[in-house]
C-alpha atoms as a PDB file:
ATOM      1  CA  MET A   1      17.822   7.087 -42.423  1.00  0.00           C
ATOM      2  CA  GLN A   2      17.599   4.317 -40.074  1.00  0.00           C
ATOM      3  CA  SER A   3      21.003   5.560 -37.835  1.00  0.00           C
ATOM      4  CA  SER A   4      19.534   8.409 -37.353  1.00  0.00           C
ATOM      5  CA  ILE A   5      16.103   6.403 -36.173  1.00  0.00           C
ATOM      6  CA  LEU A   6      18.477   4.421 -34.240  1.00  0.00           C
ATOM      7  CA  ALA A   7      20.121   7.085 -32.800  1.00  0.00           C
ATOM      8  CA  VAL A   8      16.475   8.434 -31.410  1.00  0.00           C
ATOM      9  CA  VAL A   9      15.233   5.395 -30.211  1.00  0.00           C
ATOM     10  CA  LEU A  10      18.484   4.975 -28.425  1.00  0.00           C
ATOM     11  CA  THR A  11      18.039   8.447 -26.542  1.00  0.00           C
ATOM     12  CA  SER A  12      14.599   8.068 -25.831  1.00  0.00           C
ATOM     13  CA  LEU A  13      15.665   4.495 -23.873  1.00  0.00           C
ATOM     14  CA  LEU A  14      18.673   6.163 -22.188  1.00  0.00           C
ATOM     15  CA  SER A  15      16.524   9.276 -20.973  1.00  0.00           C
ATOM     16  CA  VAL A  16      13.689   6.946 -19.619  1.00  0.00           C
ATOM     17  CA  HIS A  17      16.411   4.885 -17.668  1.00  0.00           C
ATOM     18  CA  ALA A  18      17.557   7.815 -16.239  1.00  0.00           C
ATOM     19  CA  ALA A  19      14.939   9.336 -15.310  1.00  0.00           C
ATOM     20  CA  GLN A  20      13.602   6.022 -13.592  1.00  0.00           C
ATOM     21  CA  ALA A  21      17.214   5.963 -11.841  1.00  0.00           C
ATOM     22  CA  GLN A  22      16.020   9.203 -10.175  1.00  0.00           C
ATOM     23  CA  THR A  23      13.077   7.559  -8.663  1.00  0.00           C
ATOM     24  CA  PRO A  24      13.852   6.633  -4.800  1.00  0.00           C
ATOM     25  CA  ALA A  25      14.611   2.958  -4.433  1.00  0.00           C
ATOM     26  CA  SER A  26      11.802   2.321  -1.579  1.00  0.00           C
ATOM     27  CA  THR A  27       8.783   3.368  -3.746  1.00  0.00           C
ATOM     28  CA  VAL A  28       7.377   1.994  -7.061  1.00  0.00           C
ATOM     29  CA  GLY A  29       7.222   5.301  -8.941  1.00  0.00           C
ATOM     30  CA  ASN A  30       4.188   7.439  -8.092  1.00  0.00           C
ATOM     31  CA  ASP A  31       2.297   4.627  -6.799  1.00  0.00           C
ATOM     32  CA  VAL A  32       0.019   6.169  -4.252  1.00  0.00           C
ATOM     33  CA  ALA A  33      -3.237   5.217  -3.724  1.00  0.00           C
ATOM     34  CA  PRO A  34      -5.902   7.659  -3.015  1.00  0.00           C
ATOM     35  CA  SER A  35      -6.665   9.123   0.255  1.00  0.00           C
ATOM     36  CA  VAL A  36      -7.789   7.470   3.108  1.00  0.00           C
ATOM     37  CA  GLN A  37      -9.918   8.743   6.192  1.00  0.00           C
ATOM     38  CA  ILE A  38      -8.531   7.542   9.464  1.00  0.00           C
ATOM     39  CA  PRO A  39     -11.740   8.044  12.104  1.00  0.00           C
ATOM     40  CA  VAL A  40      -9.785   7.106  15.067  1.00  0.00           C
ATOM     41  CA  ALA A  41      -6.479   7.382  16.939  1.00  0.00           C
ATOM     42  CA  VAL A  42      -4.516   4.242  15.586  1.00  0.00           C
ATOM     43  CA  LEU A  43      -1.117   2.501  16.361  1.00  0.00           C
ATOM     44  CA  ALA A  44       0.941   2.305  12.804  1.00  0.00           C
ATOM     45  CA  ASP A  45       4.689   1.552  12.830  1.00  0.00           C
ATOM     46  CA  GLY A  46       4.382   1.055  16.704  1.00  0.00           C
ATOM     47  CA  LYS A  47       3.530   4.931  17.134  1.00  0.00           C
ATOM     48  CA  PRO A  48       0.509   6.786  17.480  1.00  0.00           C
ATOM     49  CA  LEU A  49      -1.378   7.910  14.567  1.00  0.00           C
ATOM     50  CA  PRO A  50      -3.571  10.540  15.181  1.00  0.00           C
ATOM     51  CA  PRO A  51      -6.993  10.622  13.460  1.00  0.00           C
ATOM     52  CA  GLY A  52      -6.955  12.410   9.633  1.00  0.00           C
ATOM     53  CA  LYS A  53      -6.652  12.248   6.210  1.00  0.00           C
ATOM     54  CA  TYR A  54      -3.633  10.180   4.963  1.00  0.00           C
ATOM     55  CA  SER A  55      -2.258   8.900   1.386  1.00  0.00           C
ATOM     56  CA  VAL A  56      -0.825   5.427   0.957  1.00  0.00           C
ATOM     57  CA  ARG A  57       2.195   4.330  -1.060  1.00  0.00           C
ATOM     58  CA  PHE A  58       3.440   1.215  -2.316  1.00  0.00           C
ATOM     59  CA  THR A  59       7.033   0.430  -1.633  1.00  0.00           C
ATOM     60  CA  ALA A  60       8.818  -2.229  -3.857  1.00  0.00           C
ATOM     61  CA  GLU A  61       9.596  -4.088  -0.591  1.00  0.00           C
ATOM     62  CA  ARG A  62       7.854  -7.433  -0.331  1.00  0.00           C
ATOM     63  CA  PRO A  63       9.001  -9.340   3.025  1.00  0.00           C
ATOM     64  CA  GLY A  64       9.181 -13.011   2.528  1.00  0.00           C
ATOM     65  CA  PRO A  65       5.927 -14.473   3.176  1.00  0.00           C
ATOM     66  CA  LEU A  66       4.848 -16.710   6.469  1.00  0.00           C
ATOM     67  CA  PRO A  67       4.560 -20.409   6.325  1.00  0.00           C
ATOM     68  CA  GLY A  68       1.678 -21.558   4.067  1.00  0.00           C
ATOM     69  CA  GLN A  69       1.494 -18.087   2.222  1.00  0.00           C
ATOM     70  CA  PRO A  70       2.206 -17.906  -1.403  1.00  0.00           C
ATOM     71  CA  ALA A  71       4.945 -15.701  -2.571  1.00  0.00           C
ATOM     72  CA  GLY A  72       3.881 -11.872  -2.749  1.00  0.00           C
ATOM     73  CA  ALA A  73       1.949 -12.304   0.054  1.00  0.00           C
ATOM     74  CA  GLN A  74       2.857  -9.282   1.711  1.00  0.00           C
ATOM     75  CA  GLN A  75       4.067  -5.548   0.752  1.00  0.00           C
ATOM     76  CA  ARG A  76       5.242  -2.838   2.604  1.00  0.00           C
ATOM     77  CA  VAL A  77       3.355   0.780   2.600  1.00  0.00           C
ATOM     78  CA  GLU A  78       3.883   4.292   3.694  1.00  0.00           C
ATOM     79  CA  LEU A  79       1.346   6.122   5.381  1.00  0.00           C
ATOM     80  CA  LEU A  80       2.003  10.085   4.477  1.00  0.00           C
ATOM     81  CA  ALA A  81       0.470  12.975   5.822  1.00  0.00           C
ATOM     82  CA  ASP A  82       0.816  16.285   4.049  1.00  0.00           C
ATOM     83  CA  GLY A  83       3.314  14.202   1.595  1.00  0.00           C
ATOM     84  CA  LYS A  84       5.445  13.376   4.378  1.00  0.00           C
ATOM     85  CA  VAL A  85       6.351   9.832   5.547  1.00  0.00           C
ATOM     86  CA  VAL A  86       4.522   9.038   8.711  1.00  0.00           C
ATOM     87  CA  ALA A  87       4.422   5.474   9.290  1.00  0.00           C
ATOM     88  CA  GLN A  88       5.228   2.364   7.288  1.00  0.00           C
ATOM     89  CA  GLU A  89       3.491  -1.082   7.733  1.00  0.00           C
ATOM     90  CA  ILE A  90       2.974  -4.466   6.210  1.00  0.00           C
ATOM     91  CA  ALA A  91       0.061  -5.130   3.935  1.00  0.00           C
ATOM     92  CA  GLU A  92      -1.633  -8.685   3.289  1.00  0.00           C
ATOM     93  CA  VAL A  93      -1.822  -9.102  -0.187  1.00  0.00           C
ATOM     94  CA  LEU A  94      -4.894 -10.900  -1.534  1.00  0.00           C
ATOM     95  CA  ARG A  95      -4.815 -11.764  -5.554  1.00  0.00           C
ATOM     96  CA  ASP A  96      -7.864 -12.491  -6.961  1.00  0.00           C
ATOM     97  CA  GLU A  97      -6.036 -15.546  -8.793  1.00  0.00           C
ATOM     98  CA  ASP A  98      -5.325 -17.052  -5.360  1.00  0.00           C
ATOM     99  CA  LEU A  99      -8.765 -17.031  -3.990  1.00  0.00           C
ATOM    100  CA  PRO A 100     -10.674 -20.310  -3.294  1.00  0.00           C
ATOM    101  CA  ALA A 101     -12.683 -21.543  -5.675  1.00  0.00           C
ATOM    102  CA  GLU A 102     -16.062 -21.476  -3.040  1.00  0.00           C
ATOM    103  CA  GLY A 103     -17.042 -19.988   0.335  1.00  0.00           C
ATOM    104  CA  ALA A 104     -16.828 -15.949   1.422  1.00  0.00           C
ATOM    105  CA  SER A 105     -13.277 -15.847   0.687  1.00  0.00           C
ATOM    106  CA  SER A 106     -13.851 -16.668  -2.959  1.00  0.00           C
ATOM    107  CA  GLN A 107     -15.889 -13.219  -3.153  1.00  0.00           C
ATOM    108  CA  HIS A 108     -14.118 -10.656  -5.694  1.00  0.00           C
ATOM    109  CA  VAL A 109     -14.495  -7.244  -4.451  1.00  0.00           C
ATOM    110  CA  GLN A 110     -14.564  -3.966  -6.207  1.00  0.00           C
ATOM    111  CA  ASN A 111     -11.582  -1.520  -6.874  1.00  0.00           C
ATOM    112  CA  GLY A 112     -11.597   1.102  -4.305  1.00  0.00           C
ATOM    113  CA  THR A 113     -10.722   1.947  -0.754  1.00  0.00           C
ATOM    114  CA  ARG A 114     -12.343   0.655   2.523  1.00  0.00           C
ATOM    115  CA  VAL A 115     -12.157   1.830   6.290  1.00  0.00           C
ATOM    116  CA  GLU A 116     -13.587  -0.618   8.627  1.00  0.00           C
ATOM    117  CA  MET A 117     -13.897  -0.844  12.284  1.00  0.00           C
ATOM    118  CA  LEU A 118     -13.456  -4.553  13.226  1.00  0.00           C
ATOM    119  CA  LYS A 119     -15.719  -6.405  15.357  1.00  0.00           C
ATOM    120  CA  GLY A 120     -14.828  -5.977  19.150  1.00  0.00           C
ATOM    121  CA  GLY A 121     -13.191  -2.384  18.212  1.00  0.00           C
ATOM    122  CA  GLU A 122      -9.678  -3.362  18.512  1.00  0.00           C
ATOM    123  CA  PHE A 123      -8.685  -3.020  14.981  1.00  0.00           C
ATOM    124  CA  LEU A 124      -9.310  -0.631  12.036  1.00  0.00           C
ATOM    125  CA  ARG A 125      -9.159  -2.300   8.596  1.00  0.00           C
ATOM    126  CA  ILE A 126      -8.013  -0.629   5.570  1.00  0.00           C
ATOM    127  CA  SER A 127      -8.689  -2.140   2.543  1.00  0.00           C
ATOM    128  CA  PHE A 128      -7.432  -1.252  -0.862  1.00  0.00           C
ATOM    129  CA  LYS A 129      -8.380  -3.175  -4.296  1.00  0.00           C
ATOM    130  CA  ARG A 130      -6.655  -2.466  -7.395  1.00  0.00           C
ATOM    131  CA  ASP A 131      -4.871  -4.215 -10.175  1.00  0.00           C
ATOM    132  CA  GLY A 132      -6.264  -7.949  -9.276  1.00  0.00           C
ATOM    133  CA  ALA A 133      -4.968  -7.589  -5.876  1.00  0.00           C
ATOM    134  CA  ARG A 134      -6.639  -6.835  -2.263  1.00  0.00           C
ATOM    135  CA  TYR A 135      -4.311  -5.068  -0.021  1.00  0.00           C
ATOM    136  CA  LEU A 136      -5.378  -5.109   3.784  1.00  0.00           C
ATOM    137  CA  LEU A 137      -3.826  -2.989   6.356  1.00  0.00           C
ATOM    138  CA  TYR A 138      -4.734  -3.986  10.265  1.00  0.00           C
ATOM    139  CA  LEU A 139      -4.176  -0.779  12.613  1.00  0.00           C
ATOM    140  CA  PRO A 140      -4.690  -1.676  16.274  1.00  0.00           C
ATOM    141  CA  ILE A 141      -6.674   1.056  18.131  1.00  0.00           C
ATOM    142  CA  ALA A 142      -4.967   3.528  20.200  1.00  0.00           C
ATOM    143  CA  ARG A 143      -5.767   4.137  24.035  1.00  0.00           C
ATOM    144  CA  ALA A 144      -6.591   7.713  24.967  1.00  0.00           C
ATOM    145  CA  GLU A 145      -2.928   8.063  26.373  1.00  0.00           C
ATOM    146  CA  HIS A 146      -1.261   7.415  23.220  1.00  0.00           C
ATOM    147  CA  SER A 147      -3.461   9.592  20.841  1.00  0.00           C
ATOM    148  CA  GLU A 148      -2.380  13.130  20.126  1.00  0.00           C
ATOM    149  CA  PRO A 149      -4.583  15.895  18.013  1.00  0.00           C
ATOM    150  CA  ARG A 150      -3.379  16.542  14.496  1.00  0.00           C
END
């Protein structure tokens, strides 16, 4: 009886491991955030990205932190249109436990997604809050000669 239970458990573990091995190395499972509507043409991955609806997929790649940043302060994300990767960018990661005790930066934000034009109209900020962390993408606004209709 014990040997048959052990065989079932081992078979299940091997099946799970085999399924995980088939997941593309660049992604973290099916780690796709809700869709985001980008209202203006922006530059992403150095290329023009027209206004439209995109999904954001979080990858396992975490570039080394800049001086003064904690480990894991950045994460590569992919922008998808119609299920295809159209650009990759680095998101800034702000963990709730790393927030200062006082000041404007100490405020926790709700889970969800926000798209905001920043002061001066030069950048679009996309903010995702999930699992105790806030992910921030800063995309420069594309000039008219860079934008293409989608």
